[in-house]
Amino acid sequence: MNIPSKIKVAGVEYTVEELTDDPESIGLCLYDSLIIKVDPRLKMQKKQQVFIHELLHACFHEAGYVEQDEDMINRVGKVLHQALMDNKHALFD
């Protein structure tokens, strides 16, 4: 169950890449570059969780939310990840 290499958010395509240039982070969303980065050293379940977290940042950004509440993104991300896993969503095929 891999994470996708590309994903569209509000009609904008984000590329998903490995995060290798920031040892302090396990995930990043670069709005201007349209890139979501996830640490490749993570186990798959954690990698998926981090991907969903960063995907939510992209969703909020594309919806016009400049200021984002990191705690809310964390909480919603964990719930959304579990909902996708419990329902065997094709996103992680």
PDB file of N, CA and C in Angstrom:
ATOM      1  N   MET A   1       0.842  -1.187   0.000  1.00  0.00           N
ATOM      2  CA  MET A   1       0.000   0.000   0.000  1.00  0.00           C
ATOM      3  C   MET A   1       0.884   1.246   0.000  1.00  0.00           C
ATOM      4  N   ASN A   2       1.132   1.750  -1.190  1.00  0.00           N
ATOM      5  CA  ASN A   2       1.998   2.905  -1.359  1.00  0.00           C
ATOM      6  C   ASN A   2       1.215   4.200  -1.342  1.00  0.00           C
ATOM      7  N   ILE A   3       1.948   5.297  -1.204  1.00  0.00           N
ATOM      8  CA  ILE A   3       1.320   6.602  -1.370  1.00  0.00           C
ATOM      9  C   ILE A   3       1.466   6.987  -2.842  1.00  0.00           C
ATOM     10  N   PRO A   4       0.552   7.814  -3.353  1.00  0.00           N
ATOM     11  CA  PRO A   4       0.606   8.162  -4.775  1.00  0.00           C
ATOM     12  C   PRO A   4       1.800   9.068  -5.103  1.00  0.00           C
ATOM     13  N   SER A   5       2.197   9.097  -6.355  1.00  0.00           N
ATOM     14  CA  SER A   5       3.300   9.967  -6.773  1.00  0.00           C
ATOM     15  C   SER A   5       2.794  11.350  -7.191  1.00  0.00           C
ATOM     16  N   LYS A   6       1.490  11.449  -7.444  1.00  0.00           N
ATOM     17  CA  LYS A   6       0.845  12.725  -7.781  1.00  0.00           C
ATOM     18  C   LYS A   6      -0.574  12.697  -7.222  1.00  0.00           C
ATOM     19  N   ILE A   7      -1.069  13.887  -6.879  1.00  0.00           N
ATOM     20  CA  ILE A   7      -2.449  13.986  -6.411  1.00  0.00           C
ATOM     21  C   ILE A   7      -2.982  15.378  -6.744  1.00  0.00           C
ATOM     22  N   LYS A   8      -4.218  15.429  -7.215  1.00  0.00           N
ATOM     23  CA  LYS A   8      -4.845  16.713  -7.534  1.00  0.00           C
ATOM     24  C   LYS A   8      -5.605  17.231  -6.320  1.00  0.00           C
ATOM     25  N   VAL A   9      -5.442  18.527  -6.084  1.00  0.00           N
ATOM     26  CA  VAL A   9      -6.139  19.224  -5.003  1.00  0.00           C
ATOM     27  C   VAL A   9      -6.759  20.468  -5.616  1.00  0.00           C
ATOM     28  N   ALA A  10      -8.078  20.518  -5.670  1.00  0.00           N
ATOM     29  CA  ALA A  10      -8.797  21.656  -6.245  1.00  0.00           C
ATOM     30  C   ALA A  10      -8.309  21.965  -7.666  1.00  0.00           C
ATOM     31  N   GLY A  11      -8.061  20.905  -8.441  1.00  0.00           N
ATOM     32  CA  GLY A  11      -7.651  21.066  -9.823  1.00  0.00           C
ATOM     33  C   GLY A  11      -6.173  21.345 -10.025  1.00  0.00           C
ATOM     34  N   VAL A  12      -5.414  21.398  -8.939  1.00  0.00           N
ATOM     35  CA  VAL A  12      -3.978  21.654  -9.011  1.00  0.00           C
ATOM     36  C   VAL A  12      -3.250  20.363  -8.686  1.00  0.00           C
ATOM     37  N   GLU A  13      -2.285  19.971  -9.526  1.00  0.00           N
ATOM     38  CA  GLU A  13      -1.588  18.709  -9.307  1.00  0.00           C
ATOM     39  C   GLU A  13      -0.330  18.902  -8.469  1.00  0.00           C
ATOM     40  N   TYR A  14      -0.305  18.215  -7.343  1.00  0.00           N
ATOM     41  CA  TYR A  14       0.868  18.187  -6.478  1.00  0.00           C
ATOM     42  C   TYR A  14       1.666  16.923  -6.776  1.00  0.00           C
ATOM     43  N   THR A  15       2.968  17.046  -6.819  1.00  0.00           N
ATOM     44  CA  THR A  15       3.863  15.911  -6.964  1.00  0.00           C
ATOM     45  C   THR A  15       4.284  15.473  -5.570  1.00  0.00           C
ATOM     46  N   VAL A  16       4.344  14.171  -5.360  1.00  0.00           N
ATOM     47  CA  VAL A  16       4.758  13.631  -4.066  1.00  0.00           C
ATOM     48  C   VAL A  16       6.178  13.108  -4.217  1.00  0.00           C
ATOM     49  N   GLU A  17       7.053  13.611  -3.360  1.00  0.00           N
ATOM     50  CA  GLU A  17       8.462  13.251  -3.425  1.00  0.00           C
ATOM     51  C   GLU A  17       8.965  12.791  -2.059  1.00  0.00           C
ATOM     52  N   GLU A  18      10.155  12.216  -2.074  1.00  0.00           N
ATOM     53  CA  GLU A  18      10.806  11.842  -0.825  1.00  0.00           C
ATOM     54  C   GLU A  18      11.429  13.077  -0.196  1.00  0.00           C
ATOM     55  N   LEU A  19      11.313  13.176   1.104  1.00  0.00           N
ATOM     56  CA  LEU A  19      11.928  14.269   1.853  1.00  0.00           C
ATOM     57  C   LEU A  19      13.310  13.809   2.295  1.00  0.00           C
ATOM     58  N   THR A  20      14.324  14.360   1.657  1.00  0.00           N
ATOM     59  CA  THR A  20      15.695  13.953   1.981  1.00  0.00           C
ATOM     60  C   THR A  20      16.566  15.127   2.396  1.00  0.00           C
ATOM     61  N   ASP A  21      16.045  16.345   2.296  1.00  0.00           N
ATOM     62  CA  ASP A  21      16.868  17.528   2.528  1.00  0.00           C
ATOM     63  C   ASP A  21      16.527  18.279   3.809  1.00  0.00           C
ATOM     64  N   ASP A  22      15.738  17.690   4.703  1.00  0.00           N
ATOM     65  CA  ASP A  22      15.375  18.353   5.958  1.00  0.00           C
ATOM     66  C   ASP A  22      15.322  17.321   7.082  1.00  0.00           C
ATOM     67  N   PRO A  23      16.433  17.145   7.794  1.00  0.00           N
ATOM     68  CA  PRO A  23      16.479  16.122   8.848  1.00  0.00           C
ATOM     69  C   PRO A  23      15.581  16.426  10.051  1.00  0.00           C
ATOM     70  N   GLU A  24      15.056  17.632  10.118  1.00  0.00           N
ATOM     71  CA  GLU A  24      14.206  18.039  11.245  1.00  0.00           C
ATOM     72  C   GLU A  24      12.733  17.709  11.021  1.00  0.00           C
ATOM     73  N   SER A  25      12.357  17.380   9.786  1.00  0.00           N
ATOM     74  CA  SER A  25      10.950  17.152   9.456  1.00  0.00           C
ATOM     75  C   SER A  25      10.734  15.748   8.913  1.00  0.00           C
ATOM     76  N   ILE A  26       9.483  15.282   9.038  1.00  0.00           N
ATOM     77  CA  ILE A  26       9.116  14.010   8.415  1.00  0.00           C
ATOM     78  C   ILE A  26       8.164  14.230   7.238  1.00  0.00           C
ATOM     79  N   GLY A  27       7.732  15.479   7.059  1.00  0.00           N
ATOM     80  CA  GLY A  27       6.864  15.809   5.947  1.00  0.00           C
ATOM     81  C   GLY A  27       6.800  17.310   5.730  1.00  0.00           C
ATOM     82  N   LEU A  28       6.573  17.703   4.488  1.00  0.00           N
ATOM     83  CA  LEU A  28       6.450  19.118   4.135  1.00  0.00           C
ATOM     84  C   LEU A  28       5.462  19.267   2.984  1.00  0.00           C
ATOM     85  N   CYS A  29       4.813  20.416   2.936  1.00  0.00           N
ATOM     86  CA  CYS A  29       3.985  20.770   1.790  1.00  0.00           C
ATOM     87  C   CYS A  29       4.486  22.109   1.278  1.00  0.00           C
ATOM     88  N   LEU A  30       4.995  22.104   0.057  1.00  0.00           N
ATOM     89  CA  LEU A  30       5.536  23.313  -0.560  1.00  0.00           C
ATOM     90  C   LEU A  30       4.502  23.846  -1.553  1.00  0.00           C
ATOM     91  N   TYR A  31       3.759  24.854  -1.121  1.00  0.00           N
ATOM     92  CA  TYR A  31       2.632  25.359  -1.904  1.00  0.00           C
ATOM     93  C   TYR A  31       3.063  25.950  -3.244  1.00  0.00           C
ATOM     94  N   ASP A  32       4.113  26.746  -3.250  1.00  0.00           N
ATOM     95  CA  ASP A  32       4.536  27.411  -4.482  1.00  0.00           C
ATOM     96  C   ASP A  32       5.077  26.429  -5.508  1.00  0.00           C
ATOM     97  N   SER A  33       5.729  25.374  -5.030  1.00  0.00           N
ATOM     98  CA  SER A  33       6.311  24.363  -5.925  1.00  0.00           C
ATOM     99  C   SER A  33       5.343  23.222  -6.236  1.00  0.00           C
ATOM    100  N   LEU A  34       4.204  23.197  -5.529  1.00  0.00           N
ATOM    101  CA  LEU A  34       3.210  22.127  -5.672  1.00  0.00           C
ATOM    102  C   LEU A  34       3.833  20.752  -5.406  1.00  0.00           C
ATOM    103  N   ILE A  35       4.528  20.667  -4.270  1.00  0.00           N
ATOM    104  CA  ILE A  35       5.212  19.434  -3.892  1.00  0.00           C
ATOM    105  C   ILE A  35       4.842  19.059  -2.462  1.00  0.00           C
ATOM    106  N   ILE A  36       4.522  17.797  -2.272  1.00  0.00           N
ATOM    107  CA  ILE A  36       4.362  17.215  -0.944  1.00  0.00           C
ATOM    108  C   ILE A  36       5.552  16.281  -0.755  1.00  0.00           C
ATOM    109  N   LYS A  37       6.246  16.438   0.366  1.00  0.00           N
ATOM    110  CA  LYS A  37       7.412  15.600   0.641  1.00  0.00           C
ATOM    111  C   LYS A  37       7.163  14.767   1.891  1.00  0.00           C
ATOM    112  N   VAL A  38       7.577  13.503   1.824  1.00  0.00           N
ATOM    113  CA  VAL A  38       7.418  12.575   2.946  1.00  0.00           C
ATOM    114  C   VAL A  38       8.739  11.837   3.144  1.00  0.00           C
ATOM    115  N   ASP A  39       9.138  11.710   4.406  1.00  0.00           N
ATOM    116  CA  ASP A  39      10.385  11.030   4.755  1.00  0.00           C
ATOM    117  C   ASP A  39      10.321   9.559   4.344  1.00  0.00           C
ATOM    118  N   PRO A  40      11.220   9.105   3.466  1.00  0.00           N
ATOM    119  CA  PRO A  40      11.179   7.725   2.992  1.00  0.00           C
ATOM    120  C   PRO A  40      11.597   6.702   4.042  1.00  0.00           C
ATOM    121  N   ARG A  41      12.200   7.139   5.128  1.00  0.00           N
ATOM    122  CA  ARG A  41      12.659   6.205   6.166  1.00  0.00           C
ATOM    123  C   ARG A  41      11.523   5.720   7.063  1.00  0.00           C
ATOM    124  N   LEU A  42      10.357   6.361   6.963  1.00  0.00           N
ATOM    125  CA  LEU A  42       9.228   5.990   7.812  1.00  0.00           C
ATOM    126  C   LEU A  42       8.648   4.654   7.379  1.00  0.00           C
ATOM    127  N   LYS A  43       8.076   3.941   8.331  1.00  0.00           N
ATOM    128  CA  LYS A  43       7.332   2.725   7.994  1.00  0.00           C
ATOM    129  C   LYS A  43       6.086   3.153   7.227  1.00  0.00           C
ATOM    130  N   MET A  44       5.554   2.253   6.395  1.00  0.00           N
ATOM    131  CA  MET A  44       4.489   2.613   5.462  1.00  0.00           C
ATOM    132  C   MET A  44       3.281   3.248   6.142  1.00  0.00           C
ATOM    133  N   GLN A  45       2.832   2.709   7.257  1.00  0.00           N
ATOM    134  CA  GLN A  45       1.648   3.286   7.907  1.00  0.00           C
ATOM    135  C   GLN A  45       1.907   4.724   8.344  1.00  0.00           C
ATOM    136  N   LYS A  46       3.086   4.999   8.889  1.00  0.00           N
ATOM    137  CA  LYS A  46       3.423   6.362   9.307  1.00  0.00           C
ATOM    138  C   LYS A  46       3.607   7.251   8.079  1.00  0.00           C
ATOM    139  N   LYS A  47       4.181   6.708   7.017  1.00  0.00           N
ATOM    140  CA  LYS A  47       4.360   7.461   5.780  1.00  0.00           C
ATOM    141  C   LYS A  47       2.995   7.898   5.233  1.00  0.00           C
ATOM    142  N   GLN A  48       2.014   6.999   5.291  1.00  0.00           N
ATOM    143  CA  GLN A  48       0.669   7.328   4.840  1.00  0.00           C
ATOM    144  C   GLN A  48       0.049   8.413   5.709  1.00  0.00           C
ATOM    145  N   GLN A  49       0.241   8.297   7.017  1.00  0.00           N
ATOM    146  CA  GLN A  49      -0.284   9.311   7.938  1.00  0.00           C
ATOM    147  C   GLN A  49       0.305  10.676   7.636  1.00  0.00           C
ATOM    148  N   VAL A  50       1.611  10.726   7.436  1.00  0.00           N
ATOM    149  CA  VAL A  50       2.290  11.990   7.144  1.00  0.00           C
ATOM    150  C   VAL A  50       1.814  12.540   5.796  1.00  0.00           C
ATOM    151  N   PHE A  51       1.641  11.664   4.815  1.00  0.00           N
ATOM    152  CA  PHE A  51       1.131  12.088   3.513  1.00  0.00           C
ATOM    153  C   PHE A  51      -0.246  12.750   3.664  1.00  0.00           C
ATOM    154  N   ILE A  52      -1.144  12.122   4.403  1.00  0.00           N
ATOM    155  CA  ILE A  52      -2.488  12.685   4.620  1.00  0.00           C
ATOM    156  C   ILE A  52      -2.389  14.036   5.327  1.00  0.00           C
ATOM    157  N   HIS A  53      -1.520  14.129   6.314  1.00  0.00           N
ATOM    158  CA  HIS A  53      -1.317  15.393   7.037  1.00  0.00           C
ATOM    159  C   HIS A  53      -0.907  16.498   6.052  1.00  0.00           C
ATOM    160  N   GLU A  54       0.082  16.206   5.219  1.00  0.00           N
ATOM    161  CA  GLU A  54       0.551  17.207   4.269  1.00  0.00           C
ATOM    162  C   GLU A  54      -0.495  17.482   3.184  1.00  0.00           C
ATOM    163  N   LEU A  55      -1.240  16.467   2.800  1.00  0.00           N
ATOM    164  CA  LEU A  55      -2.343  16.640   1.854  1.00  0.00           C
ATOM    165  C   LEU A  55      -3.394  17.604   2.415  1.00  0.00           C
ATOM    166  N   LEU A  56      -3.674  17.496   3.688  1.00  0.00           N
ATOM    167  CA  LEU A  56      -4.626  18.425   4.313  1.00  0.00           C
ATOM    168  C   LEU A  56      -4.092  19.857   4.277  1.00  0.00           C
ATOM    169  N   HIS A  57      -2.803  20.031   4.480  1.00  0.00           N
ATOM    170  CA  HIS A  57      -2.228  21.379   4.347  1.00  0.00           C
ATOM    171  C   HIS A  57      -2.465  21.903   2.936  1.00  0.00           C
ATOM    172  N   ALA A  58      -2.258  21.044   1.927  1.00  0.00           N
ATOM    173  CA  ALA A  58      -2.490  21.456   0.541  1.00  0.00           C
ATOM    174  C   ALA A  58      -3.966  21.809   0.329  1.00  0.00           C
ATOM    175  N   CYS A  59      -4.869  21.004   0.876  1.00  0.00           N
ATOM    176  CA  CYS A  59      -6.313  21.252   0.737  1.00  0.00           C
ATOM    177  C   CYS A  59      -6.693  22.596   1.351  1.00  0.00           C
ATOM    178  N   PHE A  60      -6.227  22.841   2.558  1.00  0.00           N
ATOM    179  CA  PHE A  60      -6.545  24.107   3.222  1.00  0.00           C
ATOM    180  C   PHE A  60      -5.952  25.287   2.457  1.00  0.00           C
ATOM    181  N   HIS A  61      -4.727  25.125   1.976  1.00  0.00           N
ATOM    182  CA  HIS A  61      -4.089  26.201   1.216  1.00  0.00           C
ATOM    183  C   HIS A  61      -4.889  26.509  -0.052  1.00  0.00           C
ATOM    184  N   GLU A  62      -5.243  25.476  -0.796  1.00  0.00           N
ATOM    185  CA  GLU A  62      -5.995  25.680  -2.037  1.00  0.00           C
ATOM    186  C   GLU A  62      -7.393  26.239  -1.766  1.00  0.00           C
ATOM    187  N   ALA A  63      -7.911  26.010  -0.560  1.00  0.00           N
ATOM    188  CA  ALA A  63      -9.215  26.567  -0.176  1.00  0.00           C
ATOM    189  C   ALA A  63      -9.093  28.007   0.324  1.00  0.00           C
ATOM    190  N   GLY A  64      -7.861  28.518   0.388  1.00  0.00           N
ATOM    191  CA  GLY A  64      -7.664  29.918   0.764  1.00  0.00           C
ATOM    192  C   GLY A  64      -7.308  30.167   2.219  1.00  0.00           C
ATOM    193  N   TYR A  65      -7.061  29.123   2.970  1.00  0.00           N
ATOM    194  CA  TYR A  65      -6.680  29.296   4.372  1.00  0.00           C
ATOM    195  C   TYR A  65      -5.176  29.532   4.471  1.00  0.00           C
ATOM    196  N   VAL A  66      -4.801  30.787   4.713  1.00  0.00           N
ATOM    197  CA  VAL A  66      -3.385  31.136   4.838  1.00  0.00           C
ATOM    198  C   VAL A  66      -2.865  30.683   6.201  1.00  0.00           C
ATOM    199  N   GLU A  67      -3.595  31.002   7.232  1.00  0.00           N
ATOM    200  CA  GLU A  67      -3.236  30.573   8.591  1.00  0.00           C
ATOM    201  C   GLU A  67      -3.879  29.214   8.838  1.00  0.00           C
ATOM    202  N   GLN A  68      -3.068  28.242   9.226  1.00  0.00           N
ATOM    203  CA  GLN A  68      -3.584  26.902   9.473  1.00  0.00           C
ATOM    204  C   GLN A  68      -3.241  26.471  10.890  1.00  0.00           C
ATOM    205  N   ASP A  69      -4.178  25.837  11.535  1.00  0.00           N
ATOM    206  CA  ASP A  69      -4.008  25.344  12.901  1.00  0.00           C
ATOM    207  C   ASP A  69      -3.378  23.951  12.840  1.00  0.00           C
ATOM    208  N   GLU A  70      -2.120  23.845  13.241  1.00  0.00           N
ATOM    209  CA  GLU A  70      -1.383  22.582  13.139  1.00  0.00           C
ATOM    210  C   GLU A  70      -2.025  21.477  13.972  1.00  0.00           C
ATOM    211  N   ASP A  71      -2.555  21.821  15.120  1.00  0.00           N
ATOM    212  CA  ASP A  71      -3.219  20.815  15.962  1.00  0.00           C
ATOM    213  C   ASP A  71      -4.453  20.252  15.251  1.00  0.00           C
ATOM    214  N   MET A  72      -5.220  21.126  14.612  1.00  0.00           N
ATOM    215  CA  MET A  72      -6.406  20.662  13.885  1.00  0.00           C
ATOM    216  C   MET A  72      -5.994  19.764  12.712  1.00  0.00           C
ATOM    217  N   ILE A  73      -4.964  20.165  11.976  1.00  0.00           N
ATOM    218  CA  ILE A  73      -4.480  19.351  10.857  1.00  0.00           C
ATOM    219  C   ILE A  73      -4.040  17.979  11.370  1.00  0.00           C
ATOM    220  N   ASN A  74      -3.338  17.948  12.496  1.00  0.00           N
ATOM    221  CA  ASN A  74      -2.901  16.672  13.087  1.00  0.00           C
ATOM    222  C   ASN A  74      -4.087  15.774  13.420  1.00  0.00           C
ATOM    223  N   ARG A  75      -5.077  16.329  14.082  1.00  0.00           N
ATOM    224  CA  ARG A  75      -6.232  15.537  14.514  1.00  0.00           C
ATOM    225  C   ARG A  75      -7.060  15.034  13.339  1.00  0.00           C
ATOM    226  N   VAL A  76      -7.377  15.927  12.416  1.00  0.00           N
ATOM    227  CA  VAL A  76      -8.176  15.542  11.261  1.00  0.00           C
ATOM    228  C   VAL A  76      -7.387  14.555  10.389  1.00  0.00           C
ATOM    229  N   GLY A  77      -6.100  14.767  10.267  1.00  0.00           N
ATOM    230  CA  GLY A  77      -5.260  13.871   9.476  1.00  0.00           C
ATOM    231  C   GLY A  77      -5.281  12.445   9.983  1.00  0.00           C
ATOM    232  N   LYS A  78      -5.194  12.280  11.291  1.00  0.00           N
ATOM    233  CA  LYS A  78      -5.211  10.934  11.866  1.00  0.00           C
ATOM    234  C   LYS A  78      -6.563  10.254  11.658  1.00  0.00           C
ATOM    235  N   VAL A  79      -7.634  11.008  11.817  1.00  0.00           N
ATOM    236  CA  VAL A  79      -8.975  10.450  11.627  1.00  0.00           C
ATOM    237  C   VAL A  79      -9.207  10.106  10.153  1.00  0.00           C
ATOM    238  N   LEU A  80      -8.798  10.998   9.248  1.00  0.00           N
ATOM    239  CA  LEU A  80      -8.973  10.743   7.821  1.00  0.00           C
ATOM    240  C   LEU A  80      -8.136   9.542   7.382  1.00  0.00           C
ATOM    241  N   HIS A  81      -6.928   9.452   7.850  1.00  0.00           N
ATOM    242  CA  HIS A  81      -6.080   8.300   7.517  1.00  0.00           C
ATOM    243  C   HIS A  81      -6.758   7.012   7.949  1.00  0.00           C
ATOM    244  N   GLN A  82      -7.283   6.988   9.161  1.00  0.00           N
ATOM    245  CA  GLN A  82      -7.935   5.777   9.651  1.00  0.00           C
ATOM    246  C   GLN A  82      -9.192   5.447   8.855  1.00  0.00           C
ATOM    247  N   ALA A  83      -9.955   6.470   8.494  1.00  0.00           N
ATOM    248  CA  ALA A  83     -11.164   6.234   7.692  1.00  0.00           C
ATOM    249  C   ALA A  83     -10.797   5.644   6.332  1.00  0.00           C
ATOM    250  N   LEU A  84      -9.750   6.163   5.714  1.00  0.00           N
ATOM    251  CA  LEU A  84      -9.318   5.629   4.421  1.00  0.00           C
ATOM    252  C   LEU A  84      -8.826   4.198   4.555  1.00  0.00           C
ATOM    253  N   MET A  85      -8.091   3.906   5.610  1.00  0.00           N
ATOM    254  CA  MET A  85      -7.567   2.556   5.825  1.00  0.00           C
ATOM    255  C   MET A  85      -8.707   1.584   6.136  1.00  0.00           C
ATOM    256  N   ASP A  86      -9.626   1.965   7.001  1.00  0.00           N
ATOM    257  CA  ASP A  86     -10.720   1.108   7.386  1.00  0.00           C
ATOM    258  C   ASP A  86     -11.619   0.760   6.198  1.00  0.00           C
ATOM    259  N   ASN A  87     -11.667   1.655   5.245  1.00  0.00           N
ATOM    260  CA  ASN A  87     -12.508   1.439   4.081  1.00  0.00           C
ATOM    261  C   ASN A  87     -11.719   1.040   2.844  1.00  0.00           C
ATOM    262  N   LYS A  88     -10.465   0.675   3.048  1.00  0.00           N
ATOM    263  CA  LYS A  88      -9.587   0.201   1.994  1.00  0.00           C
ATOM    264  C   LYS A  88      -9.663   1.093   0.743  1.00  0.00           C
ATOM    265  N   HIS A  89      -9.460   2.377   0.961  1.00  0.00           N
ATOM    266  CA  HIS A  89      -9.574   3.360  -0.115  1.00  0.00           C
ATOM    267  C   HIS A  89      -8.466   3.164  -1.141  1.00  0.00           C
ATOM    268  N   ALA A  90      -8.794   3.372  -2.392  1.00  0.00           N
ATOM    269  CA  ALA A  90      -7.871   3.181  -3.509  1.00  0.00           C
ATOM    270  C   ALA A  90      -6.696   4.162  -3.490  1.00  0.00           C
ATOM    271  N   LEU A  91      -6.770   5.218  -2.703  1.00  0.00           N
ATOM    272  CA  LEU A  91      -5.700   6.204  -2.627  1.00  0.00           C
ATOM    273  C   LEU A  91      -4.367   5.539  -2.307  1.00  0.00           C
ATOM    274  N   PHE A  92      -4.392   4.494  -1.515  1.00  0.00           N
ATOM    275  CA  PHE A  92      -3.148   3.846  -1.087  1.00  0.00           C
ATOM    276  C   PHE A  92      -2.861   2.542  -1.826  1.00  0.00           C
ATOM    277  N   ASP A  93      -3.397   2.370  -3.016  1.00  0.00           N
ATOM    278  CA  ASP A  93      -3.103   1.160  -3.810  1.00  0.00           C
ATOM    279  C   ASP A  93      -1.690   1.208  -4.346  1.00  0.00           C
TER     280      ASP A  93
END
